[in-house]
Amino acid sequence: MPQRLGYCDLGFAKFDTDRKSRKGFTEVIYCPGKDHKHLKEIVKKVVKLKEDLLLTKLDKATFLSLKKVIPALRYNPLAKIAYLLAKPKPVSGGMVLVICAGTSDVPIAEEAVQTLRIMGNRVEKLYDVGVAGVHRLMSNIDKLKEAQVIIVVAGMEGALPSLVSGLVKSPVIAVPTSCGYGSSFKGLAALLTMLNGCSPGVSVVNIDNGFGAGYFASLINKG
């Protein structure tokens, strides 16, 4: 397929070869729902094109299957991210701080962290500092103020991003998670809280979308 089209036609998929020039990173592969044979063909094509490879929401069994095709493929089981970089990314921009409310939110926070690191950002983590014990957050106020961008991951009632935003001047990206009891409605309660937060400077991504938060934070940090 001619490169002038800006994509590579695999028949069942059209891989966007122009994505990096527009967004700063190669098209990322969302894995759930994809046929395993199709996924393998996409992965092989990306590697052949010498593009960076990033796969999200990838289960371990599928990773092990893909690793037989691409032995150099690496995997973060907590973040459910697999990746292979065409060449190492130089670290640039300021520090991005990833905060999570509780340990049940860690997998989504790790998805954001791994995304940020793959894209060449300096990342620090601050975990288990939810509003049920706000002194844990307040004892790290200097770290909050140092960050260029902050990602806040929280389930339950989702109050933490608004609190964090009220303490800092940097932009905050809020990530609701599906963590919570019945009336959390699998993250909908946290999502609505974050959308209705009173502190300015907060952007909200979808439920459990740590990748989206990491990608957006990288665009801000390197902008």
Protein backbone atom coordinates (compact mmCIF):
# COMPACT_ATOMS: atom_id res chain seq x y z
CA MET A 1 0.00 0.00 0.00
CA PRO A 2 1.54 3.38 -1.01
CA GLN A 3 2.74 5.40 1.98
CA ARG A 4 1.18 8.54 0.50
CA LEU A 5 -2.20 7.26 1.73
CA GLY A 6 -0.95 7.53 5.31
CA TYR A 7 -2.05 4.01 6.24
CA CYS A 8 -1.22 0.39 5.55
CA ASP A 9 -4.19 -1.71 4.39
CA LEU A 10 -4.15 -5.22 5.86
CA GLY A 11 -7.59 -6.05 4.49
CA PHE A 12 -9.24 -6.41 7.90
CA ALA A 13 -7.48 -3.34 9.33
CA LYS A 14 -5.92 -0.09 8.15
CA PHE A 15 -2.89 0.72 10.29
CA ASP A 16 -2.36 4.49 10.54
CA THR A 17 1.26 5.04 9.47
CA ASP A 18 0.79 8.82 9.73
CA ARG A 19 -0.22 8.84 13.41
CA LYS A 20 3.26 9.56 14.76
CA SER A 21 3.69 12.71 12.66
CA ARG A 22 0.32 14.01 13.92
CA LYS A 23 0.30 12.89 17.55
CA GLY A 24 3.92 12.17 18.42
CA PHE A 25 3.48 8.40 18.82
CA THR A 26 2.59 5.45 16.61
CA GLU A 27 -0.99 4.14 16.50
CA VAL A 28 -1.64 2.20 19.70
CA ILE A 29 -3.39 -1.19 19.56
CA TYR A 30 -6.41 -1.77 21.83
CA CYS A 31 -6.55 -5.55 22.22
CA PRO A 32 -9.91 -6.70 23.70
CA GLY A 33 -12.35 -8.01 21.10
CA LYS A 34 -9.74 -8.52 18.39
CA ASP A 35 -9.34 -11.88 16.67
CA HIS A 36 -6.01 -13.43 17.76
CA LYS A 37 -4.92 -14.04 14.16
CA HIS A 38 -5.69 -10.45 13.24
CA LEU A 39 -3.81 -9.19 16.30
CA LYS A 40 -0.74 -11.20 15.32
CA GLU A 41 -0.84 -9.83 11.78
CA ILE A 42 -1.09 -6.25 13.06
CA VAL A 43 1.81 -6.76 15.47
CA LYS A 44 4.03 -8.32 12.79
CA LYS A 45 3.28 -5.45 10.40
CA VAL A 46 4.06 -2.76 12.97
CA VAL A 47 7.39 -4.39 13.76
CA LYS A 48 8.17 -4.79 10.04
CA LEU A 49 7.50 -1.08 9.54
CA LYS A 50 10.02 -0.38 12.37
CA GLU A 51 7.40 1.54 14.30
CA ASP A 52 6.99 1.64 18.08
CA LEU A 53 4.55 -1.02 19.26
CA LEU A 54 2.18 -0.49 22.19
CA LEU A 55 -0.70 -2.83 23.03
CA THR A 56 -3.21 -1.99 25.77
CA LYS A 57 -5.61 -4.10 27.89
CA LEU A 58 -3.71 -7.22 26.82
CA ASP A 59 -4.20 -10.39 28.89
CA LYS A 60 -1.20 -12.53 29.77
CA ALA A 61 -2.26 -15.56 27.70
CA THR A 62 -2.50 -13.47 24.54
CA PHE A 63 0.84 -11.82 25.32
CA LEU A 64 2.53 -15.22 25.59
CA SER A 65 1.05 -16.16 22.22
CA LEU A 66 2.32 -12.94 20.64
CA LYS A 67 5.76 -13.36 22.20
CA LYS A 68 6.22 -16.54 20.17
CA VAL A 69 5.94 -14.34 17.07
CA ILE A 70 7.86 -11.35 18.48
CA PRO A 71 10.34 -12.70 21.10
CA ALA A 72 11.56 -9.21 22.07
CA LEU A 73 8.04 -8.10 23.09
CA ARG A 74 7.91 -6.89 26.71
CA TYR A 75 4.96 -7.02 29.11
CA ASN A 76 3.76 -5.29 32.27
CA PRO A 77 1.17 -7.71 33.73
CA LEU A 78 -0.20 -5.20 36.25
CA ALA A 79 -0.76 -2.52 33.61
CA LYS A 80 -1.76 -5.14 30.99
CA ILE A 81 0.47 -3.37 28.48
CA ALA A 82 2.87 -4.98 26.00
CA TYR A 83 5.41 -2.91 24.09
CA LEU A 84 8.43 -2.91 21.84
CA LEU A 85 10.19 0.33 20.99
CA ALA A 86 11.95 0.81 17.66
CA LYS A 87 14.58 2.77 19.59
CA PRO A 88 14.82 4.13 23.17
CA LYS A 89 12.88 7.32 23.84
CA PRO A 90 14.88 10.19 25.37
CA VAL A 91 13.23 11.51 28.53
CA SER A 92 11.99 15.08 28.09
CA GLY A 93 9.57 17.56 29.63
CA GLY A 94 8.79 18.01 33.30
CA MET A 95 7.75 15.49 35.91
CA VAL A 96 4.36 13.79 35.62
CA LEU A 97 2.93 12.65 38.93
CA VAL A 98 0.52 9.71 38.98
CA ILE A 99 -1.64 9.54 42.09
CA CYS A 100 -4.12 6.85 43.04
CA ALA A 101 -6.66 6.81 45.84
CA GLY A 102 -6.43 3.17 46.90
CA THR A 103 -4.54 -0.01 46.08
CA SER A 104 -7.50 -1.34 44.09
CA ASP A 105 -6.85 1.55 41.68
CA VAL A 106 -3.18 0.63 41.16
CA PRO A 107 -3.60 -1.41 37.93
CA ILE A 108 -5.19 1.57 36.14
CA ALA A 109 -2.58 3.92 37.58
CA GLU A 110 0.14 1.55 36.35
CA GLU A 111 -1.38 1.64 32.88
CA ALA A 112 -0.91 5.41 32.90
CA VAL A 113 2.63 5.14 34.31
CA GLN A 114 3.73 2.57 31.73
CA THR A 115 2.26 4.64 28.90
CA LEU A 116 4.06 7.75 30.09
CA ARG A 117 7.41 5.98 30.40
CA ILE A 118 7.14 4.39 26.97
CA MET A 119 6.50 7.85 25.54
CA GLY A 120 9.62 9.29 27.20
CA ASN A 121 8.30 11.09 30.29
CA ARG A 122 9.78 11.35 33.78
CA VAL A 123 7.20 9.81 36.09
CA GLU A 124 6.77 9.67 39.86
CA LYS A 125 4.08 7.76 41.75
CA LEU A 126 2.04 8.52 44.86
CA TYR A 127 -0.26 5.64 45.74
CA ASP A 128 -2.90 4.94 48.41
CA VAL A 129 -3.54 8.58 49.38
CA GLY A 130 -7.33 8.73 49.07
CA VAL A 131 -9.64 11.14 50.88
CA ALA A 132 -10.43 8.63 53.64
CA GLY A 133 -6.99 9.49 55.04
CA VAL A 134 -6.25 12.89 53.57
CA HIS A 135 -3.19 13.43 55.78
CA ARG A 136 -1.37 10.91 53.57
CA LEU A 137 -1.80 13.26 50.63
CA MET A 138 -1.02 16.45 52.54
CA SER A 139 2.32 15.10 53.75
CA ASN A 140 3.41 14.99 50.07
CA ILE A 141 2.37 18.52 49.13
CA ASP A 142 5.87 19.45 47.87
CA LYS A 143 5.79 16.59 45.37
CA LEU A 144 2.37 17.72 44.15
CA LYS A 145 3.61 21.25 43.54
CA GLU A 146 6.68 20.04 41.65
CA ALA A 147 4.67 18.18 38.99
CA GLN A 148 4.16 19.59 35.50
CA VAL A 149 1.05 17.45 35.05
CA ILE A 150 -0.85 15.28 37.55
CA ILE A 151 -2.94 12.19 36.86
CA VAL A 152 -5.36 11.23 39.64
CA VAL A 153 -6.88 7.75 39.59
CA ALA A 154 -9.81 7.02 41.92
CA GLY A 155 -12.86 4.81 42.26
CA MET A 156 -15.60 4.79 44.93
CA GLU A 157 -16.99 8.37 45.03
CA GLY A 158 -14.09 9.79 42.98
CA ALA A 159 -13.47 12.89 45.11
CA LEU A 160 -9.67 12.92 45.01
CA PRO A 161 -9.02 14.78 41.70
CA SER A 162 -10.95 17.88 42.79
CA LEU A 163 -9.06 17.96 46.08
CA VAL A 164 -5.69 17.63 44.35
CA SER A 165 -6.55 20.30 41.79
CA GLY A 166 -7.45 22.72 44.56
CA LEU A 167 -3.90 22.44 45.92
CA VAL A 168 -1.84 22.90 42.75
CA LYS A 169 -1.46 25.10 39.66
CA SER A 170 -0.71 22.26 37.24
CA PRO A 171 -3.38 20.62 35.06
CA VAL A 172 -5.01 17.52 36.52
CA ILE A 173 -6.26 14.54 34.52
CA ALA A 174 -8.88 12.55 36.42
CA VAL A 175 -9.35 8.82 35.82
CA PRO A 176 -12.45 7.15 37.32
CA THR A 177 -12.08 3.44 38.01
CA SER A 178 -14.64 0.68 38.28
CA CYS A 179 -13.59 0.07 41.90
CA GLY A 180 -16.44 0.38 44.40
CA TYR A 181 -19.54 -1.19 45.92
CA GLY A 182 -22.90 -1.61 44.16
CA SER A 183 -23.97 2.03 44.01
CA SER A 184 -20.68 3.00 42.37
CA PHE A 185 -22.21 1.43 39.22
CA LYS A 186 -18.82 0.14 38.02
CA GLY A 187 -17.23 3.58 37.99
CA LEU A 188 -20.16 5.70 36.86
CA ALA A 189 -20.46 7.39 40.27
CA ALA A 190 -16.78 8.36 40.22
CA LEU A 191 -17.05 9.57 36.61
CA LEU A 192 -20.01 11.84 37.43
CA THR A 193 -18.27 13.23 40.51
CA MET A 194 -15.17 14.08 38.48
CA LEU A 195 -17.22 15.69 35.71
CA ASN A 196 -18.99 17.82 38.31
CA GLY A 197 -15.88 18.78 40.29
CA CYS A 198 -15.68 22.40 41.41
CA SER A 199 -11.93 22.96 40.97
CA PRO A 200 -10.94 24.39 37.55
CA GLY A 201 -8.19 22.80 35.50
CA VAL A 202 -9.42 19.19 35.65
CA SER A 203 -9.94 17.07 32.54
CA VAL A 204 -11.68 13.69 32.83
CA VAL A 205 -11.08 10.56 30.77
CA ASN A 206 -13.29 7.48 30.57
CA ILE A 207 -13.67 4.78 33.23
CA ASP A 208 -10.51 2.65 33.67
CA ASN A 209 -8.75 4.56 30.86
CA GLY A 210 -5.27 4.82 32.33
CA PHE A 211 -3.78 4.71 28.84
CA GLY A 212 -5.83 7.71 27.69
CA ALA A 213 -4.74 9.70 30.74
CA GLY A 214 -1.08 8.83 30.19
CA TYR A 215 -1.25 9.74 26.50
CA PHE A 216 -2.94 13.07 27.22
CA ALA A 217 -0.49 13.90 30.01
CA SER A 218 2.41 13.17 27.66
CA LEU A 219 1.02 15.56 25.04
CA ILE A 220 0.74 18.30 27.68
CA ASN A 221 4.15 17.58 29.19
CA LYS A 222 5.95 17.67 25.85
CA GLY A 223 3.90 20.51 24.37
